[in-house]
Protein backbone atom coordinates (compact mmCIF):
# COMPACT_ATOMS: atom_id res chain seq x y z
CA MET A 1 10.52 -16.88 19.49
CA TYR A 2 12.36 -19.57 17.57
CA GLN A 3 15.35 -20.97 19.44
CA TYR A 4 18.32 -22.47 17.62
CA THR A 5 18.86 -26.20 17.73
CA ASP A 6 22.37 -27.62 18.17
CA LYS A 7 22.46 -28.07 14.41
CA ASP A 8 21.58 -24.39 13.84
CA GLN A 9 24.25 -23.23 16.25
CA THR A 10 26.90 -25.49 14.76
CA LEU A 11 26.17 -24.19 11.28
CA ILE A 12 26.47 -20.55 12.39
CA ASN A 13 29.65 -21.18 14.37
CA GLU A 14 31.27 -22.97 11.44
CA ARG A 15 30.35 -20.13 9.09
CA VAL A 16 32.05 -17.66 11.47
CA ASP A 17 35.24 -19.73 11.49
CA GLN A 18 35.14 -20.05 7.72
CA PHE A 19 34.75 -16.31 7.15
CA ARG A 20 37.47 -15.50 9.68
CA ASP A 21 39.88 -17.66 7.69
CA GLN A 22 38.76 -16.11 4.39
CA THR A 23 39.20 -12.57 5.72
CA GLN A 24 42.64 -13.29 7.16
CA ARG A 25 43.75 -14.75 3.84
CA PHE A 26 42.35 -11.77 1.96
CA LEU A 27 44.19 -9.31 4.21
CA LYS A 28 47.40 -11.27 3.57
CA GLY A 29 46.85 -10.98 -0.18
CA GLU A 30 46.13 -14.67 -0.63
CA ILE A 31 42.59 -14.08 -1.98
CA ALA A 32 41.97 -11.63 -4.81
CA ASP A 33 39.53 -8.74 -4.43
CA ASP A 34 36.99 -10.12 -6.88
CA LYS A 35 36.91 -13.54 -5.21
CA TYR A 36 36.71 -12.08 -1.71
CA ARG A 37 33.85 -9.80 -2.77
CA ALA A 38 31.53 -12.79 -3.27
CA LEU A 39 32.60 -14.24 0.08
CA ARG A 40 32.05 -11.05 2.06
CA LEU A 41 28.67 -10.38 0.44
CA MET A 42 27.49 -13.82 1.52
CA ASN A 43 28.33 -12.69 5.06
CA GLY A 44 26.63 -9.29 4.94
CA VAL A 45 29.72 -7.14 4.40
CA TYR A 46 29.68 -4.17 2.02
CA ILE A 47 32.54 -1.80 1.28
CA GLN A 48 31.20 1.75 1.60
CA THR A 49 32.69 5.22 1.08
CA HIS A 50 34.33 5.56 4.47
CA SER A 51 34.26 2.10 6.01
CA PRO A 52 32.92 -1.44 5.58
CA LEU A 53 29.26 -1.91 6.49
CA LEU A 54 27.93 -5.01 8.22
CA ARG A 55 24.25 -5.86 7.81
CA VAL A 56 22.82 -8.18 10.46
CA ALA A 57 19.69 -10.27 9.87
CA GLY A 58 16.63 -9.54 11.99
CA PRO A 59 14.31 -12.42 11.08
CA TYR A 60 10.76 -11.02 10.71
CA GLY A 61 11.91 -8.16 12.97
CA LEU A 62 11.82 -10.12 16.25
CA LEU A 63 14.65 -9.58 18.75
CA SER A 64 15.21 -10.74 22.31
CA CYS A 65 16.66 -8.53 25.03
CA ALA A 66 19.85 -10.60 24.99
CA GLN A 67 20.20 -9.82 21.29
CA ILE A 68 19.50 -6.12 21.83
CA ARG A 69 22.16 -5.98 24.55
CA LYS A 70 24.60 -7.71 22.23
CA LEU A 71 23.91 -5.11 19.53
CA ALA A 72 24.62 -2.42 22.11
CA SER A 73 27.95 -3.96 23.12
CA ILE A 74 28.98 -4.38 19.47
CA ALA A 75 28.10 -0.74 18.78
CA ARG A 76 30.29 0.24 21.73
CA ASP A 77 33.23 -2.08 21.15
CA TYR A 78 33.42 -2.27 17.36
CA ASP A 79 31.60 0.77 15.96
CA LYS A 80 30.80 4.40 16.81
CA ASN A 81 28.32 3.71 19.60
CA PHE A 82 25.21 3.26 17.46
CA CYS A 83 23.52 0.95 15.00
CA HIS A 84 20.95 1.59 12.28
CA PHE A 85 17.59 -0.15 11.79
CA THR A 86 16.58 -0.63 8.15
CA THR A 87 13.27 -0.89 6.29
CA ARG A 88 13.80 -4.67 6.02
CA GLN A 89 13.90 -5.15 9.79
CA ASN A 90 17.66 -5.64 9.65
CA ILE A 91 20.40 -3.92 11.64
CA GLN A 92 23.46 -2.21 10.18
CA PHE A 93 26.82 -1.23 11.63
CA ASN A 94 28.37 1.53 9.54
CA TRP A 95 31.92 1.76 10.86
CA PRO A 96 33.43 -1.66 11.67
CA ALA A 97 37.03 -2.42 10.72
CA LEU A 98 37.16 -5.24 8.18
CA GLU A 99 39.63 -7.31 10.18
CA ARG A 100 37.31 -7.18 13.20
CA ILE A 101 34.10 -8.20 11.45
CA PRO A 102 34.66 -11.96 12.01
CA TYR A 103 34.83 -11.20 15.74
CA ILE A 104 31.54 -9.31 15.51
CA LEU A 105 30.00 -12.32 13.78
CA GLU A 106 31.29 -14.52 16.59
CA GLU A 107 29.64 -12.23 19.13
CA LEU A 108 26.38 -12.33 17.17
CA ALA A 109 26.47 -16.12 16.98
CA SER A 110 26.58 -16.27 20.78
CA VAL A 111 23.03 -14.83 20.85
CA GLN A 112 21.67 -16.71 17.82
CA MET A 113 22.21 -13.96 15.27
CA HIS A 114 24.09 -13.83 11.98
CA ALA A 115 24.63 -11.83 8.79
CA ILE A 116 24.28 -14.68 6.29
CA GLN A 117 22.43 -13.73 3.08
CA THR A 118 21.83 -10.12 4.07
CA SER A 119 23.55 -9.07 0.84
CA GLY A 120 24.38 -10.54 -2.55
CA ASN A 121 22.21 -12.21 -5.20
CA CYS A 122 20.46 -14.60 -2.85
CA LEU A 123 17.32 -15.11 -0.77
CA ARG A 124 17.32 -12.24 1.72
CA ASN A 125 15.80 -11.75 5.18
CA THR A 126 12.12 -12.78 5.29
CA THR A 127 10.06 -9.93 6.72
CA SER A 128 6.64 -9.59 8.31
CA ASP A 129 4.22 -7.34 10.18
CA GLN A 130 5.73 -5.70 13.27
CA LEU A 131 2.42 -6.40 15.06
CA ALA A 132 2.41 -10.09 14.13
CA GLY A 133 0.87 -12.18 16.87
CA VAL A 134 -0.81 -9.26 18.68
CA ALA A 135 -2.75 -7.39 15.97
CA LYS A 136 -6.52 -7.25 16.35
CA ASP A 137 -7.05 -7.64 12.60
CA GLU A 138 -4.91 -10.76 12.30
CA LEU A 139 -6.27 -13.96 10.76
CA GLU A 140 -3.28 -15.97 11.99
CA ASP A 141 0.23 -15.26 13.26
CA PRO A 142 2.51 -15.22 10.17
CA ARG A 143 5.78 -15.65 12.08
CA PRO A 144 5.80 -19.48 12.18
CA TYR A 145 5.60 -19.48 8.39
CA CYS A 146 8.33 -16.83 8.20
CA GLU A 147 10.55 -19.13 10.24
CA ILE A 148 9.73 -22.13 8.06
CA ILE A 149 10.69 -20.03 5.04
CA ARG A 150 13.84 -18.74 6.76
CA GLN A 151 15.07 -22.24 7.46
CA TRP A 152 14.38 -23.25 3.85
CA THR A 153 16.19 -20.22 2.42
CA ILE A 154 19.36 -20.28 4.52
CA LEU A 155 22.21 -21.75 2.46
CA HIS A 156 19.81 -23.25 -0.08
CA PRO A 157 22.35 -24.65 -2.58
CA GLU A 158 20.23 -24.09 -5.69
CA PHE A 159 19.58 -20.42 -4.98
CA ALA A 160 22.96 -19.14 -3.74
CA TYR A 161 23.65 -17.25 -6.98
CA LEU A 162 20.38 -15.95 -8.33
CA PRO A 163 20.18 -13.42 -11.17
CA ARG A 164 19.59 -10.78 -8.48
CA LYS A 165 18.60 -10.43 -4.82
CA PHE A 166 15.23 -11.93 -3.81
CA LYS A 167 12.91 -10.82 -1.01
CA ILE A 168 9.85 -12.45 0.59
CA ALA A 169 7.31 -10.88 2.97
CA VAL A 170 4.43 -12.54 4.83
CA SER A 171 1.32 -10.89 6.30
CA GLY A 172 -1.46 -12.40 8.38
CA SER A 173 -3.59 -9.30 8.89
CA ALA A 174 -6.38 -7.51 7.05
CA GLN A 175 -4.15 -4.42 6.88
CA ASP A 176 -0.92 -5.00 5.03
CA ARG A 177 1.84 -3.59 7.24
CA ALA A 178 4.60 -5.60 5.53
CA ALA A 179 4.53 -4.00 2.04
CA THR A 180 3.89 -7.43 0.50
CA HIS A 181 2.86 -5.92 -2.85
CA PHE A 182 6.42 -4.68 -3.31
CA HIS A 183 8.35 -7.88 -2.72
CA ASP A 184 9.58 -10.50 -5.15
CA ILE A 185 7.09 -12.78 -3.44
CA GLY A 186 4.34 -11.54 -1.15
CA LEU A 187 2.28 -13.97 0.93
CA HIS A 188 -1.08 -13.15 2.57
CA LEU A 189 -2.78 -15.56 4.93
CA VAL A 190 -6.38 -15.79 3.67
CA LYS A 191 -9.46 -17.93 4.21
CA ASN A 192 -11.15 -19.67 1.28
CA ASP A 193 -14.86 -20.36 0.79
CA ALA A 194 -14.52 -23.64 2.66
CA GLY A 195 -13.14 -21.84 5.72
CA GLU A 196 -9.60 -23.17 5.25
CA ILE A 197 -6.64 -20.88 5.87
CA GLY A 198 -3.90 -20.76 3.26
CA PHE A 199 -1.89 -18.24 1.27
CA LYS A 200 -2.64 -15.77 -1.47
CA VAL A 201 0.61 -15.55 -3.43
CA LEU A 202 1.83 -12.41 -5.18
CA VAL A 203 4.89 -12.30 -7.42
CA GLY A 204 6.94 -9.70 -9.24
CA GLY A 205 6.72 -6.71 -6.91
CA GLY A 206 9.64 -4.45 -6.14
CA LEU A 207 10.89 -0.91 -5.67
CA GLY A 208 14.23 0.66 -6.57
CA ARG A 209 14.97 1.87 -10.08
CA THR A 210 11.79 0.35 -11.55
CA PRO A 211 8.96 0.20 -8.99
CA ILE A 212 6.33 -2.42 -9.84
CA ILE A 213 3.30 -3.71 -7.93
CA GLY A 214 3.23 -7.49 -7.49
CA GLN A 215 0.50 -9.56 -9.15
CA VAL A 216 -1.49 -12.49 -7.82
CA ILE A 217 -0.08 -15.73 -9.20
CA ARG A 218 -2.20 -18.02 -7.03
CA PRO A 219 -5.29 -16.84 -5.11
CA PHE A 220 -5.17 -19.72 -2.64
CA LEU A 221 -2.35 -22.09 -1.75
CA GLU A 222 -2.68 -24.80 0.85
CA LYS A 223 -0.25 -24.43 3.72
CA LYS A 224 1.35 -27.80 3.03
CA HIS A 225 2.46 -26.57 -0.39
CA LEU A 226 4.13 -23.39 0.88
CA LEU A 227 7.75 -24.39 0.26
CA SER A 228 7.16 -26.33 -2.94
CA TYR A 229 5.37 -23.39 -4.56
CA LEU A 230 8.05 -20.94 -3.46
CA GLU A 231 10.67 -23.29 -4.83
CA ALA A 232 8.83 -23.53 -8.15
CA ILE A 233 8.81 -19.73 -8.45
CA LEU A 234 12.51 -19.54 -7.62
CA ARG A 235 13.37 -22.25 -10.14
CA VAL A 236 11.53 -20.42 -12.93
CA TYR A 237 13.27 -17.18 -11.97
CA ASN A 238 16.66 -18.88 -11.82
CA ILE A 239 16.16 -20.31 -15.31
CA TYR A 240 14.61 -17.33 -17.08
CA GLY A 241 15.79 -14.30 -15.08
CA ARG A 242 18.20 -12.09 -16.97
CA ARG A 243 21.87 -12.17 -16.02
CA ASP A 244 23.19 -9.87 -18.77
CA ASN A 245 21.88 -6.64 -17.21
CA LYS A 246 21.65 -6.17 -13.45
CA TYR A 247 19.02 -3.45 -13.88
CA LYS A 248 16.73 -5.96 -15.59
CA ALA A 249 17.60 -8.99 -13.52
CA ARG A 250 14.90 -8.83 -10.83
CA ILE A 251 11.89 -11.11 -11.09
CA LYS A 252 9.65 -8.04 -11.39
CA ILE A 253 11.15 -7.40 -14.86
CA LEU A 254 10.75 -11.06 -15.83
CA VAL A 255 7.07 -10.98 -14.83
CA ARG A 256 6.46 -7.67 -16.59
CA GLU A 257 8.15 -8.70 -19.83
CA THR A 258 6.88 -12.29 -19.91
CA GLY A 259 3.40 -11.62 -18.56
CA ILE A 260 1.75 -13.05 -15.46
CA ALA A 261 -0.19 -15.65 -17.47
CA GLU A 262 2.96 -17.18 -18.97
CA ILE A 263 4.87 -16.98 -15.68
CA THR A 264 1.98 -18.72 -13.93
CA LYS A 265 2.03 -21.45 -16.57
CA LYS A 266 5.77 -22.02 -16.11
CA VAL A 267 5.53 -22.01 -12.31
CA GLU A 268 2.59 -24.40 -12.25
CA ALA A 269 4.44 -26.80 -14.56
CA GLU A 270 7.54 -26.72 -12.34
CA TRP A 271 5.43 -27.06 -9.21
CA HIS A 272 3.72 -30.16 -10.58
CA LEU A 273 7.11 -31.88 -10.62
CA ILE A 274 8.01 -31.16 -6.99
CA LYS A 275 4.82 -30.44 -5.04
CA ASP A 276 4.73 -33.84 -3.35
CA GLN A 277 8.42 -33.77 -2.41
CA LEU A 278 8.43 -30.61 -0.27
CA GLU A 279 5.19 -30.80 1.69
CA VAL A 280 5.10 -28.99 5.01
CA SER A 281 3.43 -31.41 7.42
CA GLU A 282 0.75 -30.42 9.91
CA GLN A 283 3.10 -31.53 12.67
CA THR A 284 5.85 -29.21 11.41
CA ILE A 285 3.40 -26.30 11.43
CA THR A 286 2.11 -27.22 14.90
CA ASP A 287 5.64 -27.50 16.29
CA MET A 288 6.64 -24.19 14.76
CA CYS A 289 3.53 -22.42 16.05
CA ALA A 290 4.47 -23.62 19.53
CA GLN A 291 7.71 -21.65 19.20
CA PHE A 292 5.57 -18.50 18.95
CA ALA A 293 3.07 -19.21 21.70
CA ASP A 294 1.57 -16.22 23.51
CA PRO A 295 3.43 -14.99 26.58
CA ALA A 296 1.79 -15.25 29.99
CA TYR A 297 -0.80 -12.50 29.56
CA GLN A 298 -2.86 -11.60 32.59
CA LYS A 299 -6.50 -12.34 31.87
CA ASP A 300 -9.37 -9.92 32.50
CA LEU A 301 -6.85 -7.14 32.91
CA THR A 302 -8.07 -3.56 33.14
CA ALA A 303 -6.01 -0.39 33.32
CA GLY A 304 -8.23 1.04 36.02
CA ALA A 305 -8.88 4.62 37.02
CA ASP A 306 -5.20 5.57 37.22
CA TYR A 307 -4.66 5.19 33.47
CA ALA A 308 -7.75 7.24 32.64
CA GLN A 309 -6.68 9.91 35.13
CA GLN A 310 -3.15 10.05 33.67
CA LEU A 311 -4.57 10.57 30.19
CA ASN A 312 -6.82 13.30 31.51
CA ASP A 313 -4.12 15.08 33.53
CA ASN A 314 -1.15 14.96 31.15
CA ILE A 315 -1.66 16.22 27.59
CA ALA A 316 1.82 15.10 26.47
CA PHE A 317 1.15 11.55 27.65
CA LYS A 318 -2.29 11.57 26.04
CA THR A 319 -0.77 12.70 22.74
CA TRP A 320 1.90 9.99 22.87
CA ASP A 321 -0.66 7.34 23.79
CA LYS A 322 -2.81 8.34 20.80
CA HIS A 323 -0.01 8.35 18.24
CA ASN A 324 2.55 5.83 19.52
CA THR A 325 0.43 2.94 20.77
CA ALA A 326 -1.74 0.45 18.90
CA GLY A 327 -4.57 -1.88 19.82
CA HIS A 328 -3.83 -5.36 21.12
CA LYS A 329 -5.73 -8.64 20.75
CA THR A 330 -5.64 -9.07 24.56
CA ASP A 331 -7.70 -6.70 26.67
CA GLY A 332 -5.66 -4.48 28.95
CA TYR A 333 -2.56 -4.46 26.72
CA ARG A 334 -1.23 -2.10 24.03
CA ALA A 335 1.58 -2.33 21.50
CA VAL A 336 3.99 0.58 21.97
CA TYR A 337 5.93 2.17 19.13
CA VAL A 338 9.39 3.39 20.15
CA SER A 339 10.16 6.30 17.86
CA LEU A 340 13.69 6.40 16.44
CA LYS A 341 12.82 9.75 14.85
CA ALA A 342 13.73 12.33 17.49
CA PRO A 343 14.07 15.75 15.80
CA ASP A 344 17.85 15.94 16.23
CA SER A 345 18.69 12.30 15.43
CA PRO A 346 19.25 10.51 12.08
CA PRO A 347 16.15 8.40 11.36
CA GLY A 348 16.57 4.77 12.34
CA ASP A 349 19.72 5.22 14.43
CA CYS A 350 19.82 3.90 18.00
CA SER A 351 22.71 4.42 20.41
CA ASP A 352 24.31 1.78 22.59
CA THR A 353 22.94 3.41 25.75
CA GLN A 354 19.44 3.54 24.27
CA LEU A 355 19.68 -0.12 23.25
CA ASP A 356 20.77 -1.20 26.71
CA ALA A 357 17.99 0.83 28.30
CA LEU A 358 15.40 -0.56 25.87
CA ALA A 359 16.43 -4.09 26.74
CA GLY A 360 15.77 -3.29 30.38
CA LEU A 361 12.39 -1.76 29.58
CA ALA A 362 11.41 -4.76 27.47
CA ASP A 363 12.36 -7.07 30.32
CA SER A 364 10.21 -5.05 32.70
CA TYR A 365 7.23 -4.27 30.52
CA SER A 366 7.08 -6.47 27.39
CA PHE A 367 8.14 -10.05 28.16
CA GLY A 368 11.74 -9.40 27.09
CA MET A 369 11.03 -8.91 23.39
CA ILE A 370 11.48 -6.02 20.92
CA ARG A 371 10.46 -5.78 17.25
CA ALA A 372 11.86 -3.74 14.38
CA THR A 373 9.39 -2.04 12.03
CA HIS A 374 9.44 -1.26 8.31
CA ARG A 375 9.56 2.46 9.08
CA GLN A 376 12.79 2.25 11.08
CA ASN A 377 11.20 2.29 14.52
CA LEU A 378 10.88 -0.33 17.26
CA VAL A 379 7.91 -1.90 19.02
CA LEU A 380 7.31 -3.19 22.54
CA ALA A 381 4.36 -5.37 21.63
CA ASP A 382 2.90 -6.47 24.97
CA VAL A 383 2.64 -3.58 27.42
CA LYS A 384 -0.06 -3.38 30.08
CA GLU A 385 -2.14 -0.23 29.83
CA ALA A 386 -1.51 0.28 33.53
CA ASP A 387 2.24 0.52 32.80
CA LEU A 388 2.02 2.94 29.88
CA PHE A 389 2.51 6.15 31.86
CA THR A 390 5.64 4.91 33.60
CA LEU A 391 7.01 3.48 30.37
CA TRP A 392 6.34 6.75 28.54
CA GLN A 393 8.27 8.70 31.15
CA LYS A 394 11.24 6.39 30.81
CA LEU A 395 11.18 6.45 27.02
CA ASP A 396 10.91 10.24 27.09
CA ALA A 397 14.05 10.46 29.23
CA LEU A 398 15.83 8.41 26.55
CA LYS A 399 14.57 10.63 23.67
CA LEU A 400 12.57 7.68 22.38
CA ALA A 401 9.04 9.02 22.93
CA THR A 402 8.61 11.50 20.08
CA ALA A 403 4.86 11.35 19.40
CA ASN A 404 5.15 11.14 15.64
CA ILE A 405 4.41 7.59 14.45
CA ASN A 406 2.99 7.71 10.89
CA SER A 407 3.22 11.51 10.92
CA ALA A 408 5.21 13.91 8.75
CA THR A 409 8.36 13.59 10.86
CA ASP A 410 8.26 9.80 11.05
CA ILE A 411 10.47 9.88 7.99
CA ILE A 412 12.00 6.81 6.35
CA CYS A 413 15.48 7.91 5.38
CA CYS A 414 18.49 6.09 3.93
CA PRO A 415 21.98 7.11 5.13
CA GLY A 416 22.72 8.87 1.83
CA ILE A 417 26.22 10.06 1.00
CA ASP A 418 27.05 10.41 4.70
CA TYR A 419 27.69 6.65 4.73
CA CYS A 420 26.70 4.93 1.49
CA GLY A 421 29.04 4.57 -1.47
CA LEU A 422 26.10 4.17 -3.88
CA ALA A 423 24.28 7.38 -2.94
CA ASN A 424 24.16 10.45 -5.19
CA THR A 425 22.94 12.88 -2.55
CA SER A 426 22.52 13.40 1.15
CA SER A 427 19.31 12.32 2.89
CA ILE A 428 19.77 12.79 6.63
CA ASP A 429 20.12 16.57 6.41
CA ILE A 430 16.97 16.77 4.25
CA ALA A 431 15.06 14.88 6.93
CA GLN A 432 16.54 17.26 9.50
CA GLY A 433 15.44 20.26 7.42
CA ILE A 434 11.88 18.94 7.25
CA ASN A 435 11.93 18.37 11.00
CA ASP A 436 13.13 21.92 11.58
CA THR A 437 10.40 23.32 9.33
CA LEU A 438 7.69 21.29 11.03
CA ASP A 439 8.78 22.36 14.49
CA SER A 440 5.32 22.35 16.07
CA ILE A 441 3.96 19.02 17.24
CA ASP A 442 0.43 20.42 16.99
CA TYR A 443 1.07 21.30 13.34
CA ILE A 444 2.48 17.82 12.68
CA HIS A 445 -0.58 16.19 14.19
CA ASP A 446 -2.89 18.54 12.25
CA LEU A 447 -1.36 17.11 9.07
CA GLY A 448 -2.59 13.66 10.10
CA GLU A 449 -1.16 10.44 8.72
CA LEU A 450 1.59 11.44 6.31
CA LYS A 451 4.44 9.21 5.22
CA ILE A 452 7.54 10.92 3.83
CA ASN A 453 10.32 8.70 2.43
CA ILE A 454 13.76 9.96 1.36
CA SER A 455 16.28 7.98 -0.73
CA GLY A 456 19.70 9.21 -1.78
CA CYS A 457 19.84 7.21 -5.03
CA MET A 458 17.82 5.11 -7.48
CA ASN A 459 18.26 1.96 -5.37
CA GLY A 460 15.41 3.35 -3.30
CA CYS A 461 16.34 1.81 0.05
CA ALA A 462 13.94 4.26 1.75
CA HIS A 463 11.03 3.25 -0.51
CA GLN A 464 10.45 6.77 -1.84
CA SER A 465 8.29 5.39 -4.67
CA VAL A 466 5.57 4.42 -2.20
CA GLY A 467 5.77 7.39 0.15
CA HIS A 468 2.77 9.69 0.38
CA ILE A 469 5.55 12.16 -0.38
CA GLY A 470 8.64 10.56 -1.91
CA ILE A 471 11.98 12.32 -2.28
CA LEU A 472 14.68 10.86 -4.52
CA GLY A 473 18.19 12.28 -4.71
CA VAL A 474 19.64 12.62 -8.22
CA ASP A 475 23.05 13.80 -9.36
CA LYS A 476 23.30 16.55 -11.97
CA LYS A 477 26.93 16.99 -12.93
CA GLY A 478 28.08 16.67 -9.35
CA VAL A 479 25.28 18.81 -7.90
CA GLU A 480 22.58 17.42 -5.60
CA TRP A 481 18.98 17.65 -6.88
CA TYR A 482 15.79 15.93 -5.76
CA GLN A 483 12.78 14.48 -7.54
CA VAL A 484 9.44 14.47 -5.73
CA THR A 485 6.62 11.96 -6.10
CA LEU A 486 3.18 12.14 -4.52
CA GLY A 487 0.45 9.65 -3.70
CA GLY A 488 2.35 6.41 -3.16
CA SER A 489 1.28 3.67 -0.76
CA SER A 490 2.75 0.32 0.28
CA GLU A 491 -0.39 -0.91 2.03
CA ASN A 492 -3.55 -2.66 0.77
CA ASP A 493 -4.14 0.14 -1.73
CA ALA A 494 -0.65 -0.33 -3.19
CA THR A 495 0.22 2.62 -5.42
CA ILE A 496 3.37 3.97 -7.02
CA GLY A 497 3.78 7.70 -6.48
CA GLU A 498 3.25 10.17 -9.34
CA ARG A 499 6.15 12.44 -10.26
CA LEU A 500 5.48 16.05 -9.34
CA GLY A 501 7.63 17.54 -12.10
CA PRO A 502 11.27 18.47 -12.74
CA ALA A 503 13.82 17.89 -9.98
CA VAL A 504 14.43 20.75 -7.55
CA SER A 505 17.71 21.91 -6.08
CA LYS A 506 18.92 20.95 -2.65
CA GLN A 507 18.32 24.44 -1.33
CA ASP A 508 14.71 24.31 -2.55
CA ILE A 509 13.63 20.82 -1.53
CA VAL A 510 12.53 21.61 2.04
CA PRO A 511 10.56 24.74 0.97
CA VAL A 512 8.93 22.62 -1.75
CA ILE A 513 7.77 20.08 0.83
CA LYS A 514 6.33 22.94 2.86
CA GLN A 515 4.47 24.22 -0.21
CA ILE A 516 3.03 20.76 -0.85
CA LEU A 517 1.73 20.62 2.70
CA GLU A 518 0.22 24.10 2.36
CA VAL A 519 -1.71 22.98 -0.71
CA TYR A 520 -2.97 19.94 1.17
CA LEU A 521 -4.16 21.99 4.15
CA GLU A 522 -5.87 24.48 1.88
CA LEU A 523 -7.66 21.96 -0.33
CA ARG A 524 -8.54 19.08 1.95
CA SER A 525 -12.30 18.74 2.24
CA HIS A 526 -12.27 18.63 6.04
CA GLU A 527 -9.67 18.55 8.78
CA ASP A 528 -9.76 14.76 9.05
CA GLU A 529 -9.22 14.08 5.34
CA ALA A 530 -5.83 12.39 5.04
CA PHE A 531 -3.15 13.63 2.66
CA LEU A 532 -3.40 10.51 0.49
CA THR A 533 -7.17 10.87 0.23
CA THR A 534 -6.87 14.52 -0.72
CA PHE A 535 -4.23 13.76 -3.35
CA ARG A 536 -6.34 11.05 -4.92
CA ARG A 537 -9.31 13.38 -5.02
CA ILE A 538 -7.62 16.49 -6.49
CA GLY A 539 -4.69 14.97 -8.40
CA VAL A 540 -1.16 16.26 -8.88
CA ASN A 541 -1.90 19.52 -10.73
CA PRO A 542 -2.71 21.79 -7.74
CA PHE A 543 0.58 20.77 -6.12
CA LYS A 544 2.47 21.21 -9.38
CA GLU A 545 1.01 24.68 -9.96
CA LYS A 546 2.06 25.80 -6.48
CA VAL A 547 5.60 24.44 -6.63
CA TYR A 548 6.45 25.56 -10.17
CA ALA A 549 4.43 28.80 -10.20
CA ALA A 550 7.57 30.97 -10.40
CA ASP A 551 8.83 28.98 -13.38
């Protein structure tokens, strides 16, 4: 894990002092609302319906136990005893008092955390695969490059006021678990014909109001040119991106309207001017990779007979092990998904007591580290197979062992109108309704891999456009309605979901989801055919006929 230098810490501390002064002057009426708005956004502060919201950066999703414990204490001392994990591996506090936010930032700075550039028209948190560094299908650990990008983006003077927000994701694995096709820039570590490892660069992806799949702008980029090529893309966007209409200001619209060939031409011309000035040296890469060295794994480790016997004797443990753990590059270890999707809890929320307990578990079982995922869960990445049974028992006692990862109740869900001032509809209660309907874990597992995403407005924070089943809240003259899309994917087979038909009322949305699942179960070719496969084989019409039959 990257550790701050004295220079890093000084910068963060000075930013805290600066924002404290700005906030105090605003509260005294010495700074106007419109001027303070830009200042607070640069420090991750939104003004929501009921309270300010503070968004904290979680660089590439990696958190130490000290940081987790600090989040717990902040939730206890400054909020309502919980925090929320987002799809961008960030952390949000929904109820802080504005005058106390500078003190929260001071607390965060003490454990090398901050909220800089988590909002506003700037370069946002760089994200990555939650299994980075441990995945079996990984070509190379992407996190050192994420950190190189993070250091380049923070307080970059040329890109502080972009036409719109800008997001970068990096993946090093064969399976894309970082939704790179739906970022302003997506980077894939790839190997060329000469056996060299570099980056495939995608540009112009995004979700929200206008979902668009990113396009390849450069099939192979040498590692040394990483920052110069990113800078060339940002310069072109800064020059040509629209500023007259915020709905058309993202780079995805620029790429779509200009065309990838012309954008590539402009980027390559800009890059030619700067490529030799921003080279990333081999030594820089080597030094950064050392910051992410493997922990002290035990070699030739085997789980032994006890683990096999526990799987055989305890069906609940066996089910959890199947659904909530993933393979590991080191024999004898597994990556463990901590589900933040208990049936009676808002998706992505984690209480202060759970956070404190998780920090203790990570210290005991996973080298003191925790990761945030893109589906609002957490990961303990380095757990011995021999420790899985004991860990499962402890997670179960904390209501953090729901065996539903990538299943129908592992729902991505935005806070909706319960918290967010931008939302048109509620989301959390829809997720709860789906949970209540799918009340049998056997039934959930029979449905197989099924990703349901629920957003309360067109901003699409829950990525409904790429859900296998996407649910989007829309307002109709003050009444909550929901549009449904089917067949989306944010992985290698990136696909934007197809609209089912007219929006349905709030009272009908959960029954409609049940009907969709009934069609899937009836028409799948065999019990192991996944929902997405079935949809792509039969199309939208059978689902549409079932849902709108009464119409």
